[in-house]
Amino acid sequence: MESVVESPCVRNCCLNEEDICLGCFRSLAEITRWGAVSDQIKLEIVQKAGQRRIDYQKKWQQ
């Protein structure tokens, strides 16, 4: 069965010192296991990445 959750990858990969991609805000571990996890886990990853993006923007907009 094909996944209904699309990858948040924006093809702008650049890992920071914590191995977080500054394009999609997934961790390196989340990126590498993306194809092997369930849609539920993918949704959790997308949610965490979204929060990381918000936190990053808040940090750098001060």
Protein backbone atom coordinates (compact mmCIF):
# COMPACT_ATOMS: atom_id res chain seq x y z
CA MET A 1 0.00 0.00 0.00
CA GLU A 2 1.31 3.41 -0.96
CA SER A 3 1.76 6.11 1.67
CA VAL A 4 -0.71 8.99 1.77
CA VAL A 5 1.75 11.20 3.67
CA GLU A 6 4.01 13.15 1.33
CA SER A 7 7.61 13.77 2.21
CA PRO A 8 8.21 17.31 3.47
CA CYS A 9 11.50 17.42 1.55
CA VAL A 10 11.97 20.70 -0.32
CA ARG A 11 15.23 19.64 -2.03
CA ASN A 12 17.22 22.22 -0.07
CA CYS A 13 19.22 19.89 2.17
CA CYS A 14 21.65 21.42 4.61
CA LEU A 15 22.24 19.79 7.99
CA ASN A 16 23.01 21.92 11.03
CA GLU A 17 25.28 20.88 13.91
CA GLU A 18 22.42 18.84 15.41
CA ASP A 19 21.84 16.90 12.15
CA ILE A 20 18.58 18.74 11.45
CA CYS A 21 17.89 19.60 7.83
CA LEU A 22 17.33 23.34 7.43
CA GLY A 23 15.15 22.68 4.38
CA CYS A 24 12.51 20.36 5.85
CA PHE A 25 13.53 20.40 9.55
CA ARG A 26 13.60 16.63 9.88
CA SER A 27 16.47 14.96 11.70
CA LEU A 28 18.90 12.87 9.73
CA ALA A 29 17.47 9.76 11.43
CA GLU A 30 13.92 10.76 10.41
CA ILE A 31 15.01 11.34 6.82
CA THR A 32 16.80 8.00 6.49
CA ARG A 33 13.94 5.94 7.93
CA TRP A 34 11.13 7.81 6.12
CA GLY A 35 10.50 5.10 3.53
CA ALA A 36 10.24 2.33 6.13
CA VAL A 37 7.80 3.83 8.65
CA SER A 38 4.02 3.85 8.82
CA ASP A 39 1.87 6.83 7.88
CA GLN A 40 1.21 7.43 11.58
CA ILE A 41 4.94 7.76 12.25
CA LYS A 42 5.32 9.98 9.17
CA LEU A 43 2.62 12.28 10.54
CA GLU A 44 4.47 12.46 13.85
CA ILE A 45 7.71 13.27 12.04
CA VAL A 46 6.01 16.04 10.04
CA GLN A 47 4.54 17.47 13.24
CA LYS A 48 7.93 17.47 15.00
CA ALA A 49 9.59 19.02 11.96
CA GLY A 50 6.95 21.75 11.89
CA GLN A 51 7.64 22.58 15.52
CA ARG A 52 11.37 22.64 14.84
CA ARG A 53 10.77 25.11 11.99
CA ILE A 54 8.75 27.39 14.30
CA ASP A 55 11.41 27.19 17.01
CA TYR A 56 14.17 27.93 14.49
CA GLN A 57 12.31 30.94 13.08
CA LYS A 58 11.67 32.32 16.57
CA LYS A 59 15.33 31.90 17.49
CA TRP A 60 16.67 33.69 14.41
CA GLN A 61 14.06 36.47 14.22
CA GLN A 62 14.98 37.96 17.58
